[in-house]
PDB file of N, CA and C in Angstrom:
ATOM      1  N   MET A   1      -8.894 -26.601 -12.665  1.00  0.00           N
ATOM      2  CA  MET A   1      -7.944 -25.997 -12.067  1.00  0.00           C
ATOM      3  C   MET A   1      -6.998 -25.674 -13.023  1.00  0.00           C
ATOM      4  N   ASP A   2      -6.503 -24.141 -13.301  1.00  0.00           N
ATOM      5  CA  ASP A   2      -5.614 -23.605 -14.284  1.00  0.00           C
ATOM      6  C   ASP A   2      -4.269 -23.531 -13.587  1.00  0.00           C
ATOM      7  N   ARG A   3      -3.237 -24.119 -13.785  1.00  0.00           N
ATOM      8  CA  ARG A   3      -2.212 -23.220 -13.547  1.00  0.00           C
ATOM      9  C   ARG A   3      -1.304 -22.610 -14.003  1.00  0.00           C
ATOM     10  N   ILE A   4      -0.725 -21.574 -13.770  1.00  0.00           N
ATOM     11  CA  ILE A   4      -0.104 -20.407 -14.656  1.00  0.00           C
ATOM     12  C   ILE A   4       1.511 -20.145 -13.779  1.00  0.00           C
ATOM     13  N   ARG A   5       2.060 -20.163 -14.356  1.00  0.00           N
ATOM     14  CA  ARG A   5       3.639 -19.563 -13.660  1.00  0.00           C
ATOM     15  C   ARG A   5       3.529 -18.191 -13.557  1.00  0.00           C
ATOM     16  N   CYS A   6       3.849 -17.481 -12.539  1.00  0.00           N
ATOM     17  CA  CYS A   6       3.623 -15.744 -12.146  1.00  0.00           C
ATOM     18  C   CYS A   6       4.755 -15.525 -12.490  1.00  0.00           C
ATOM     19  N   SER A   7       5.038 -13.931 -12.617  1.00  0.00           N
ATOM     20  CA  SER A   7       6.277 -13.460 -12.576  1.00  0.00           C
ATOM     21  C   SER A   7       7.621 -13.729 -11.736  1.00  0.00           C
ATOM     22  N   THR A   8       7.466 -14.353 -10.650  1.00  0.00           N
ATOM     23  CA  THR A   8       8.258 -14.473  -9.855  1.00  0.00           C
ATOM     24  C   THR A   8       8.830 -15.798 -10.139  1.00  0.00           C
ATOM     25  N   GLY A   9       7.821 -16.351 -11.127  1.00  0.00           N
ATOM     26  CA  GLY A   9       8.265 -17.914 -11.449  1.00  0.00           C
ATOM     27  C   GLY A   9       7.799 -19.125 -10.514  1.00  0.00           C
ATOM     28  N   ARG A  10       6.890 -18.712  -9.496  1.00  0.00           N
ATOM     29  CA  ARG A  10       5.980 -19.549  -8.595  1.00  0.00           C
ATOM     30  C   ARG A  10       4.898 -20.065 -10.020  1.00  0.00           C
ATOM     31  N   GLU A  11       4.349 -21.316  -9.416  1.00  0.00           N
ATOM     32  CA  GLU A  11       2.997 -22.005  -9.915  1.00  0.00           C
ATOM     33  C   GLU A  11       2.116 -21.322  -9.046  1.00  0.00           C
ATOM     34  N   VAL A  12       0.641 -20.647  -9.490  1.00  0.00           N
ATOM     35  CA  VAL A  12      -0.506 -20.227  -9.227  1.00  0.00           C
ATOM     36  C   VAL A  12      -1.336 -21.001  -9.512  1.00  0.00           C
ATOM     37  N   SER A  13      -2.733 -21.197  -8.744  1.00  0.00           N
ATOM     38  CA  SER A  13      -3.755 -21.814  -9.458  1.00  0.00           C
ATOM     39  C   SER A  13      -4.908 -20.624  -8.939  1.00  0.00           C
ATOM     40  N   ASP A  14      -5.921 -20.680  -9.882  1.00  0.00           N
ATOM     41  CA  ASP A  14      -7.106 -20.072  -9.571  1.00  0.00           C
ATOM     42  C   ASP A  14      -8.038 -20.759  -8.702  1.00  0.00           C
ATOM     43  N   SER A  15      -7.578 -21.730  -8.052  1.00  0.00           N
ATOM     44  CA  SER A  15      -8.837 -22.539  -6.855  1.00  0.00           C
ATOM     45  C   SER A  15      -8.255 -21.605  -5.548  1.00  0.00           C
ATOM     46  N   HIS A  16      -9.509 -21.649  -4.375  1.00  0.00           N
ATOM     47  CA  HIS A  16      -9.389 -21.045  -3.546  1.00  0.00           C
ATOM     48  C   HIS A  16      -8.875 -22.206  -2.559  1.00  0.00           C
ATOM     49  N   ASP A  17      -8.015 -21.468  -1.680  1.00  0.00           N
ATOM     50  CA  ASP A  17      -7.125 -22.463  -0.774  1.00  0.00           C
ATOM     51  C   ASP A  17      -7.664 -22.725   0.067  1.00  0.00           C
ATOM     52  N   GLY A  18      -8.997 -22.368   0.745  1.00  0.00           N
ATOM     53  CA  GLY A  18      -9.849 -22.549   2.123  1.00  0.00           C
ATOM     54  C   GLY A  18     -10.871 -21.502   2.578  1.00  0.00           C
ATOM     55  N   ASP A  19     -11.584 -21.529   3.073  1.00  0.00           N
ATOM     56  CA  ASP A  19     -12.443 -20.575   4.003  1.00  0.00           C
ATOM     57  C   ASP A  19     -12.931 -21.604   5.027  1.00  0.00           C
ATOM     58  N   ASP A  20     -14.211 -20.601   5.521  1.00  0.00           N
ATOM     59  CA  ASP A  20     -14.605 -20.786   6.864  1.00  0.00           C
ATOM     60  C   ASP A  20     -15.991 -22.165   6.822  1.00  0.00           C
ATOM     61  N   ALA A  21     -15.826 -22.507   5.353  1.00  0.00           N
ATOM     62  CA  ALA A  21     -16.804 -23.854   5.203  1.00  0.00           C
ATOM     63  C   ALA A  21     -16.293 -25.147   5.399  1.00  0.00           C
ATOM     64  N   GLY A  22     -15.486 -25.009   6.346  1.00  0.00           N
ATOM     65  CA  GLY A  22     -14.602 -26.646   6.438  1.00  0.00           C
ATOM     66  C   GLY A  22     -13.747 -27.046   5.656  1.00  0.00           C
ATOM     67  N   ASN A  23     -13.001 -26.131   4.774  1.00  0.00           N
ATOM     68  CA  ASN A  23     -11.624 -26.340   4.265  1.00  0.00           C
ATOM     69  C   ASN A  23     -10.898 -25.583   4.765  1.00  0.00           C
ATOM     70  N   GLU A  24      -9.725 -26.354   4.862  1.00  0.00           N
ATOM     71  CA  GLU A  24      -8.559 -25.990   5.691  1.00  0.00           C
ATOM     72  C   GLU A  24      -7.709 -24.521   5.085  1.00  0.00           C
ATOM     73  N   LEU A  25      -7.179 -23.600   5.861  1.00  0.00           N
ATOM     74  CA  LEU A  25      -6.588 -22.822   5.330  1.00  0.00           C
ATOM     75  C   LEU A  25      -5.050 -23.223   5.927  1.00  0.00           C
ATOM     76  N   SER A  26      -3.873 -22.852   5.486  1.00  0.00           N
ATOM     77  CA  SER A  26      -2.829 -23.153   6.328  1.00  0.00           C
ATOM     78  C   SER A  26      -1.546 -22.095   6.142  1.00  0.00           C
ATOM     79  N   ALA A  27      -0.466 -22.240   6.833  1.00  0.00           N
ATOM     80  CA  ALA A  27       0.437 -21.176   6.515  1.00  0.00           C
ATOM     81  C   ALA A  27       1.756 -21.665   7.161  1.00  0.00           C
ATOM     82  N   PRO A  28       1.940 -22.490   6.621  1.00  0.00           N
ATOM     83  CA  PRO A  28       3.169 -23.186   7.336  1.00  0.00           C
ATOM     84  C   PRO A  28       4.719 -22.690   7.816  1.00  0.00           C
ATOM     85  N   THR A  29       4.634 -21.524   6.606  1.00  0.00           N
ATOM     86  CA  THR A  29       5.987 -20.742   6.630  1.00  0.00           C
ATOM     87  C   THR A  29       5.984 -19.746   8.071  1.00  0.00           C
ATOM     88  N   ALA A  30       4.426 -19.390   7.796  1.00  0.00           N
ATOM     89  CA  ALA A  30       4.368 -18.388   8.791  1.00  0.00           C
ATOM     90  C   ALA A  30       4.213 -18.576  10.221  1.00  0.00           C
ATOM     91  N   THR A  31       3.827 -20.186   9.930  1.00  0.00           N
ATOM     92  CA  THR A  31       3.748 -20.793  11.517  1.00  0.00           C
ATOM     93  C   THR A  31       5.285 -21.160  12.085  1.00  0.00           C
ATOM     94  N   ALA A  32       6.060 -21.205  11.120  1.00  0.00           N
ATOM     95  CA  ALA A  32       7.278 -21.903  11.597  1.00  0.00           C
ATOM     96  C   ALA A  32       8.177 -20.572  12.138  1.00  0.00           C
ATOM     97  N   VAL A  33       8.198 -19.562  11.395  1.00  0.00           N
ATOM     98  CA  VAL A  33       8.843 -18.721  11.890  1.00  0.00           C
ATOM     99  C   VAL A  33       8.387 -17.875  13.299  1.00  0.00           C
ATOM    100  N   LEU A  34       6.673 -17.957  13.175  1.00  0.00           N
ATOM    101  CA  LEU A  34       6.415 -17.180  14.641  1.00  0.00           C
ATOM    102  C   LEU A  34       7.317 -18.425  15.755  1.00  0.00           C
ATOM    103  N   THR A  35       7.051 -19.646  15.446  1.00  0.00           N
ATOM    104  CA  THR A  35       7.683 -20.323  16.382  1.00  0.00           C
ATOM    105  C   THR A  35       9.078 -20.324  16.716  1.00  0.00           C
ATOM    106  N   HIS A  36       9.859 -20.200  15.766  1.00  0.00           N
ATOM    107  CA  HIS A  36      11.246 -20.123  15.926  1.00  0.00           C
ATOM    108  C   HIS A  36      11.264 -18.472  16.664  1.00  0.00           C
ATOM    109  N   VAL A  37      10.679 -17.235  15.969  1.00  0.00           N
ATOM    110  CA  VAL A  37      11.422 -16.268  16.712  1.00  0.00           C
ATOM    111  C   VAL A  37      11.206 -16.121  18.222  1.00  0.00           C
ATOM    112  N   VAL A  38       9.563 -16.568  18.508  1.00  0.00           N
ATOM    113  CA  VAL A  38       9.248 -16.433  20.109  1.00  0.00           C
ATOM    114  C   VAL A  38      10.068 -17.362  21.025  1.00  0.00           C
ATOM    115  N   LYS A  39      10.486 -18.897  20.308  1.00  0.00           N
ATOM    116  CA  LYS A  39      11.198 -19.641  21.070  1.00  0.00           C
ATOM    117  C   LYS A  39      12.110 -19.106  21.501  1.00  0.00           C
ATOM    118  N   SER A  40      13.197 -18.316  20.350  1.00  0.00           N
ATOM    119  CA  SER A  40      14.474 -17.480  21.097  1.00  0.00           C
ATOM    120  C   SER A  40      14.380 -16.463  21.796  1.00  0.00           C
ATOM    121  N   ILE A  41      13.258 -16.089  22.090  1.00  0.00           N
ATOM    122  CA  ILE A  41      13.108 -14.880  23.181  1.00  0.00           C
ATOM    123  C   ILE A  41      12.659 -15.436  24.265  1.00  0.00           C
ATOM    124  N   VAL A  42      11.772 -16.506  24.655  1.00  0.00           N
ATOM    125  CA  VAL A  42      11.528 -16.846  25.821  1.00  0.00           C
ATOM    126  C   VAL A  42      12.502 -17.653  26.805  1.00  0.00           C
ATOM    127  N   ASP A  43      12.265 -17.493  28.106  1.00  0.00           N
ATOM    128  CA  ASP A  43      12.737 -18.698  28.555  1.00  0.00           C
ATOM    129  C   ASP A  43      12.709 -20.071  28.521  1.00  0.00           C
ATOM    130  N   ASP A  44      11.400 -20.176  28.919  1.00  0.00           N
ATOM    131  CA  ASP A  44      11.013 -22.037  28.809  1.00  0.00           C
ATOM    132  C   ASP A  44      10.144 -22.226  26.900  1.00  0.00           C
ATOM    133  N   ALA A  45      11.323 -22.522  26.302  1.00  0.00           N
ATOM    134  CA  ALA A  45      10.751 -22.628  24.964  1.00  0.00           C
ATOM    135  C   ALA A  45      10.265 -23.895  24.771  1.00  0.00           C
ATOM    136  N   GLU A  46      10.427 -24.455  25.044  1.00  0.00           N
ATOM    137  CA  GLU A  46       9.035 -26.049  25.095  1.00  0.00           C
ATOM    138  C   GLU A  46       7.809 -25.238  25.482  1.00  0.00           C
ATOM    139  N   ALA A  47       7.694 -24.970  26.496  1.00  0.00           N
ATOM    140  CA  ALA A  47       6.040 -24.053  26.659  1.00  0.00           C
ATOM    141  C   ALA A  47       5.565 -23.478  25.433  1.00  0.00           C
ATOM    142  N   VAL A  48       6.188 -23.152  24.420  1.00  0.00           N
ATOM    143  CA  VAL A  48       5.582 -21.982  23.548  1.00  0.00           C
ATOM    144  C   VAL A  48       4.894 -23.179  22.904  1.00  0.00           C
ATOM    145  N   ARG A  49       3.298 -22.429  22.414  1.00  0.00           N
ATOM    146  CA  ARG A  49       2.768 -23.448  21.172  1.00  0.00           C
ATOM    147  C   ARG A  49       1.943 -22.678  20.354  1.00  0.00           C
ATOM    148  N   VAL A  50       1.792 -22.826  19.176  1.00  0.00           N
ATOM    149  CA  VAL A  50       1.365 -22.188  18.421  1.00  0.00           C
ATOM    150  C   VAL A  50       0.044 -22.605  17.797  1.00  0.00           C
ATOM    151  N   GLU A  51      -0.984 -22.162  17.525  1.00  0.00           N
ATOM    152  CA  GLU A  51      -2.170 -22.414  16.955  1.00  0.00           C
ATOM    153  C   GLU A  51      -2.878 -21.875  16.272  1.00  0.00           C
ATOM    154  N   ALA A  52      -2.979 -22.520  14.819  1.00  0.00           N
ATOM    155  CA  ALA A  52      -3.557 -21.676  13.768  1.00  0.00           C
ATOM    156  C   ALA A  52      -5.333 -21.925  13.568  1.00  0.00           C
ATOM    157  N   ILE A  53      -5.740 -20.980  13.590  1.00  0.00           N
ATOM    158  CA  ILE A  53      -7.387 -20.890  13.583  1.00  0.00           C
ATOM    159  C   ILE A  53      -7.739 -19.767  12.406  1.00  0.00           C
ATOM    160  N   PRO A  54      -8.560 -20.925  11.057  1.00  0.00           N
ATOM    161  CA  PRO A  54      -9.326 -20.000   9.964  1.00  0.00           C
ATOM    162  C   PRO A  54      -9.928 -19.494  10.690  1.00  0.00           C
ATOM    163  N   SER A  55     -10.412 -17.796  10.090  1.00  0.00           N
ATOM    164  CA  SER A  55     -11.214 -16.920  10.623  1.00  0.00           C
ATOM    165  C   SER A  55     -11.552 -16.316   9.225  1.00  0.00           C
ATOM    166  N   LYS A  56     -12.524 -16.313   8.843  1.00  0.00           N
ATOM    167  CA  LYS A  56     -13.018 -15.242   7.807  1.00  0.00           C
ATOM    168  C   LYS A  56     -12.060 -15.135   6.351  1.00  0.00           C
ATOM    169  N   GLY A  57     -11.657 -16.189   6.161  1.00  0.00           N
ATOM    170  CA  GLY A  57     -10.472 -15.763   5.156  1.00  0.00           C
ATOM    171  C   GLY A  57      -9.394 -15.707   5.475  1.00  0.00           C
ATOM    172  N   ARG A  58      -8.954 -15.535   6.870  1.00  0.00           N
ATOM    173  CA  ARG A  58      -7.896 -15.031   6.927  1.00  0.00           C
ATOM    174  C   ARG A  58      -7.318 -16.342   8.356  1.00  0.00           C
ATOM    175  N   ILE A  59      -6.401 -16.403   8.650  1.00  0.00           N
ATOM    176  CA  ILE A  59      -5.594 -17.118   9.563  1.00  0.00           C
ATOM    177  C   ILE A  59      -4.773 -16.569  11.025  1.00  0.00           C
ATOM    178  N   LYS A  60      -5.385 -16.770  12.102  1.00  0.00           N
ATOM    179  CA  LYS A  60      -5.069 -16.248  13.473  1.00  0.00           C
ATOM    180  C   LYS A  60      -4.177 -16.969  13.938  1.00  0.00           C
ATOM    181  N   LEU A  61      -3.376 -16.833  14.571  1.00  0.00           N
ATOM    182  CA  LEU A  61      -2.150 -17.973  14.925  1.00  0.00           C
ATOM    183  C   LEU A  61      -1.858 -16.937  16.657  1.00  0.00           C
ATOM    184  N   GLN A  62      -2.702 -18.007  16.934  1.00  0.00           N
ATOM    185  CA  GLN A  62      -2.560 -17.798  18.533  1.00  0.00           C
ATOM    186  C   GLN A  62      -0.867 -18.287  19.030  1.00  0.00           C
ATOM    187  N   VAL A  63      -0.337 -17.534  19.942  1.00  0.00           N
ATOM    188  CA  VAL A  63       0.738 -18.001  20.469  1.00  0.00           C
ATOM    189  C   VAL A  63       0.334 -17.742  22.135  1.00  0.00           C
ATOM    190  N   LYS A  64       0.623 -19.357  22.698  1.00  0.00           N
ATOM    191  CA  LYS A  64       0.780 -19.773  24.338  1.00  0.00           C
ATOM    192  C   LYS A  64       2.068 -19.598  24.536  1.00  0.00           C
ATOM    193  N   VAL A  65       2.784 -19.223  26.000  1.00  0.00           N
ATOM    194  CA  VAL A  65       3.893 -18.956  25.970  1.00  0.00           C
ATOM    195  C   VAL A  65       3.931 -19.756  27.938  1.00  0.00           C
ATOM    196  N   GLY A  66       5.137 -19.652  28.404  1.00  0.00           N
ATOM    197  CA  GLY A  66       5.236 -20.113  29.632  1.00  0.00           C
ATOM    198  C   GLY A  66       4.696 -19.124  31.221  1.00  0.00           C
ATOM    199  N   PRO A  67       4.480 -19.440  31.895  1.00  0.00           N
ATOM    200  CA  PRO A  67       4.357 -18.324  33.361  1.00  0.00           C
ATOM    201  C   PRO A  67       5.420 -17.528  33.025  1.00  0.00           C
ATOM    202  N   GLY A  68       5.237 -16.477  33.174  1.00  0.00           N
ATOM    203  CA  GLY A  68       6.129 -14.999  32.883  1.00  0.00           C
ATOM    204  C   GLY A  68       6.817 -14.826  31.961  1.00  0.00           C
ATOM    205  N   ASP A  69       6.748 -15.471  30.526  1.00  0.00           N
ATOM    206  CA  ASP A  69       7.286 -15.148  29.452  1.00  0.00           C
ATOM    207  C   ASP A  69       6.467 -14.166  28.677  1.00  0.00           C
ATOM    208  N   LEU A  70       4.838 -14.173  29.072  1.00  0.00           N
ATOM    209  CA  LEU A  70       3.893 -13.465  27.750  1.00  0.00           C
ATOM    210  C   LEU A  70       4.959 -11.825  27.805  1.00  0.00           C
ATOM    211  N   GLY A  71       5.474 -11.527  28.730  1.00  0.00           N
ATOM    212  CA  GLY A  71       5.769  -9.488  29.115  1.00  0.00           C
ATOM    213  C   GLY A  71       6.835  -9.767  28.066  1.00  0.00           C
ATOM    214  N   ARG A  72       7.607 -10.909  27.928  1.00  0.00           N
ATOM    215  CA  ARG A  72       8.884 -10.904  27.286  1.00  0.00           C
ATOM    216  C   ARG A  72       8.475 -10.582  25.825  1.00  0.00           C
ATOM    217  N   VAL A  73       7.459 -11.706  25.248  1.00  0.00           N
ATOM    218  CA  VAL A  73       7.128 -11.542  23.968  1.00  0.00           C
ATOM    219  C   VAL A  73       6.423 -10.284  23.548  1.00  0.00           C
ATOM    220  N   ILE A  74       5.529  -9.970  24.399  1.00  0.00           N
ATOM    221  CA  ILE A  74       4.929  -8.727  24.050  1.00  0.00           C
ATOM    222  C   ILE A  74       5.840  -7.140  24.018  1.00  0.00           C
ATOM    223  N   GLY A  75       7.292  -7.221  24.828  1.00  0.00           N
ATOM    224  CA  GLY A  75       8.017  -6.560  25.078  1.00  0.00           C
ATOM    225  C   GLY A  75       7.170  -4.780  25.889  1.00  0.00           C
ATOM    226  N   ARG A  76       8.182  -3.935  25.902  1.00  0.00           N
ATOM    227  CA  ARG A  76       7.837  -2.484  26.066  1.00  0.00           C
ATOM    228  C   ARG A  76       7.041  -1.781  25.380  1.00  0.00           C
ATOM    229  N   ARG A  77       5.596  -1.424  25.274  1.00  0.00           N
ATOM    230  CA  ARG A  77       4.740  -0.732  25.330  1.00  0.00           C
ATOM    231  C   ARG A  77       4.027  -1.569  23.651  1.00  0.00           C
ATOM    232  N   GLY A  78       4.318  -2.896  23.473  1.00  0.00           N
ATOM    233  CA  GLY A  78       4.234  -3.936  22.661  1.00  0.00           C
ATOM    234  C   GLY A  78       5.138  -3.696  21.337  1.00  0.00           C
ATOM    235  N   ARG A  79       6.003  -3.051  21.603  1.00  0.00           N
ATOM    236  CA  ARG A  79       6.894  -3.124  20.498  1.00  0.00           C
ATOM    237  C   ARG A  79       7.676  -4.402  19.678  1.00  0.00           C
ATOM    238  N   THR A  80       7.688  -5.040  20.681  1.00  0.00           N
ATOM    239  CA  THR A  80       8.200  -6.663  20.061  1.00  0.00           C
ATOM    240  C   THR A  80       7.139  -7.300  19.757  1.00  0.00           C
ATOM    241  N   ALA A  81       6.062  -7.310  20.296  1.00  0.00           N
ATOM    242  CA  ALA A  81       5.068  -8.073  19.830  1.00  0.00           C
ATOM    243  C   ALA A  81       4.317  -7.382  18.250  1.00  0.00           C
ATOM    244  N   GLN A  82       4.662  -6.360  18.187  1.00  0.00           N
ATOM    245  CA  GLN A  82       4.560  -5.741  16.789  1.00  0.00           C
ATOM    246  C   GLN A  82       5.709  -6.234  15.856  1.00  0.00           C
ATOM    247  N   SER A  83       6.268  -5.967  16.146  1.00  0.00           N
ATOM    248  CA  SER A  83       7.716  -6.318  15.187  1.00  0.00           C
ATOM    249  C   SER A  83       7.771  -8.070  14.756  1.00  0.00           C
ATOM    250  N   ILE A  84       6.952  -8.633  15.813  1.00  0.00           N
ATOM    251  CA  ILE A  84       6.725 -10.104  15.330  1.00  0.00           C
ATOM    252  C   ILE A  84       5.626 -10.282  14.344  1.00  0.00           C
ATOM    253  N   ARG A  85       4.562  -9.380  14.801  1.00  0.00           N
ATOM    254  CA  ARG A  85       3.417  -9.301  13.629  1.00  0.00           C
ATOM    255  C   ARG A  85       3.633  -9.517  12.265  1.00  0.00           C
ATOM    256  N   THR A  86       4.753  -8.223  12.317  1.00  0.00           N
ATOM    257  CA  THR A  86       5.382  -7.778  10.890  1.00  0.00           C
ATOM    258  C   THR A  86       5.738  -8.703  10.337  1.00  0.00           C
ATOM    259  N   VAL A  87       6.623  -9.564  11.068  1.00  0.00           N
ATOM    260  CA  VAL A  87       7.546 -10.642  10.324  1.00  0.00           C
ATOM    261  C   VAL A  87       6.708 -11.718   9.658  1.00  0.00           C
ATOM    262  N   VAL A  88       5.813 -12.039  10.583  1.00  0.00           N
ATOM    263  CA  VAL A  88       5.524 -13.350  10.751  1.00  0.00           C
ATOM    264  C   VAL A  88       4.221 -12.936   9.601  1.00  0.00           C
ATOM    265  N   ARG A  89       3.730 -11.516   9.586  1.00  0.00           N
ATOM    266  CA  ARG A  89       2.386 -11.385   8.208  1.00  0.00           C
ATOM    267  C   ARG A  89       3.362 -11.473   6.662  1.00  0.00           C
ATOM    268  N   ALA A  90       4.742 -10.969   6.915  1.00  0.00           N
ATOM    269  CA  ALA A  90       5.376 -11.196   5.665  1.00  0.00           C
ATOM    270  C   ALA A  90       5.972 -12.397   5.360  1.00  0.00           C
ATOM    271  N   ALA A  91       5.787 -13.169   6.132  1.00  0.00           N
ATOM    272  CA  ALA A  91       6.082 -14.960   6.231  1.00  0.00           C
ATOM    273  C   ALA A  91       5.197 -15.177   5.426  1.00  0.00           C
ATOM    274  N   GLY A  92       3.609 -14.677   5.951  1.00  0.00           N
ATOM    275  CA  GLY A  92       2.161 -15.227   5.620  1.00  0.00           C
ATOM    276  C   GLY A  92       2.209 -15.486   4.120  1.00  0.00           C
ATOM    277  N   THR A  93       2.863 -14.317   3.583  1.00  0.00           N
ATOM    278  CA  THR A  93       2.771 -13.888   2.339  1.00  0.00           C
ATOM    279  C   THR A  93       3.096 -14.941   1.281  1.00  0.00           C
ATOM    280  N   ARG A  94       4.271 -15.255   1.430  1.00  0.00           N
ATOM    281  CA  ARG A  94       4.808 -16.245   1.109  1.00  0.00           C
ATOM    282  C   ARG A  94       3.919 -17.759   1.043  1.00  0.00           C
ATOM    283  N   ASP A  95       2.759 -17.920   2.076  1.00  0.00           N
ATOM    284  CA  ASP A  95       2.019 -18.989   1.945  1.00  0.00           C
ATOM    285  C   ASP A  95       0.703 -18.529   1.149  1.00  0.00           C
ATOM    286  N   GLY A  96       0.716 -17.448   0.729  1.00  0.00           N
ATOM    287  CA  GLY A  96      -0.584 -16.729   0.159  1.00  0.00           C
ATOM    288  C   GLY A  96      -1.428 -16.439   1.243  1.00  0.00           C
ATOM    289  N   ALA A  97      -1.022 -16.522   2.594  1.00  0.00           N
ATOM    290  CA  ALA A  97      -2.221 -16.168   3.500  1.00  0.00           C
ATOM    291  C   ALA A  97      -2.297 -14.624   4.497  1.00  0.00           C
ATOM    292  N   ASP A  98      -3.582 -14.352   4.663  1.00  0.00           N
ATOM    293  CA  ASP A  98      -3.546 -13.054   5.561  1.00  0.00           C
ATOM    294  C   ASP A  98      -2.928 -14.146   7.015  1.00  0.00           C
ATOM    295  N   ILE A  99      -2.421 -13.177   7.480  1.00  0.00           N
ATOM    296  CA  ILE A  99      -2.003 -13.644   8.843  1.00  0.00           C
ATOM    297  C   ILE A  99      -2.267 -12.373  10.110  1.00  0.00           C
ATOM    298  N   ASP A 100      -3.217 -13.431  11.229  1.00  0.00           N
ATOM    299  CA  ASP A 100      -2.891 -11.879  12.720  1.00  0.00           C
ATOM    300  C   ASP A 100      -2.171 -12.576  13.378  1.00  0.00           C
ATOM    301  N   VAL A 101      -2.235 -12.081  14.304  1.00  0.00           N
ATOM    302  CA  VAL A 101      -1.595 -12.723  15.616  1.00  0.00           C
ATOM    303  C   VAL A 101      -1.767 -12.384  16.674  1.00  0.00           C
ATOM    304  N   ASP A 102      -2.402 -13.690  17.464  1.00  0.00           N
ATOM    305  CA  ASP A 102      -2.520 -13.210  19.104  1.00  0.00           C
ATOM    306  C   ASP A 102      -2.032 -13.657  19.787  1.00  0.00           C
ATOM    307  N   PHE A 103      -1.298 -12.977  21.330  1.00  0.00           N
ATOM    308  CA  PHE A 103      -0.341 -13.381  22.271  1.00  0.00           C
ATOM    309  C   PHE A 103      -1.658 -13.568  23.069  1.00  0.00           C
ATOM    310  N   VAL A 104      -1.657 -15.077  23.645  1.00  0.00           N
ATOM    311  CA  VAL A 104      -2.767 -15.748  24.489  1.00  0.00           C
ATOM    312  C   VAL A 104      -1.911 -15.762  26.006  1.00  0.00           C
ATOM    313  N   ASP A 105      -2.729 -15.131  27.297  1.00  0.00           N
ATOM    314  CA  ASP A 105      -2.332 -15.423  28.358  1.00  0.00           C
ATOM    315  C   ASP A 105      -2.941 -16.438  29.063  1.00  0.00           C
ATOM    316  N   ASP A 106      -2.761 -17.720  29.499  1.00  0.00           N
ATOM    317  CA  ASP A 106      -3.348 -18.788  29.963  1.00  0.00           C
ATOM    318  C   ASP A 106      -3.878 -18.149  31.535  1.00  0.00           C
TER     319      ASP A 106
END
């Protein structure tokens, strides 16, 4: 595995971070950003759960919120949810991961 310094000054390698064959993909920055944003929107911040699921070279972040809070997170015409997805995908680039965000109703 060779490590080189990219134009932004960060070190990168030519190794693959993970796949569906059992290697774990992770996106700690994206997960933290998603958790923070959702907790700041909902009434019951303790009920917020974010689960990372590797899927075909991408990471799917599933968000579960307390009863009655899903509407707040989705927003009118889905605008809030789309904005959250945009911010979290941008945070995922810092982790070098492609991110999908799903809001799940229990």
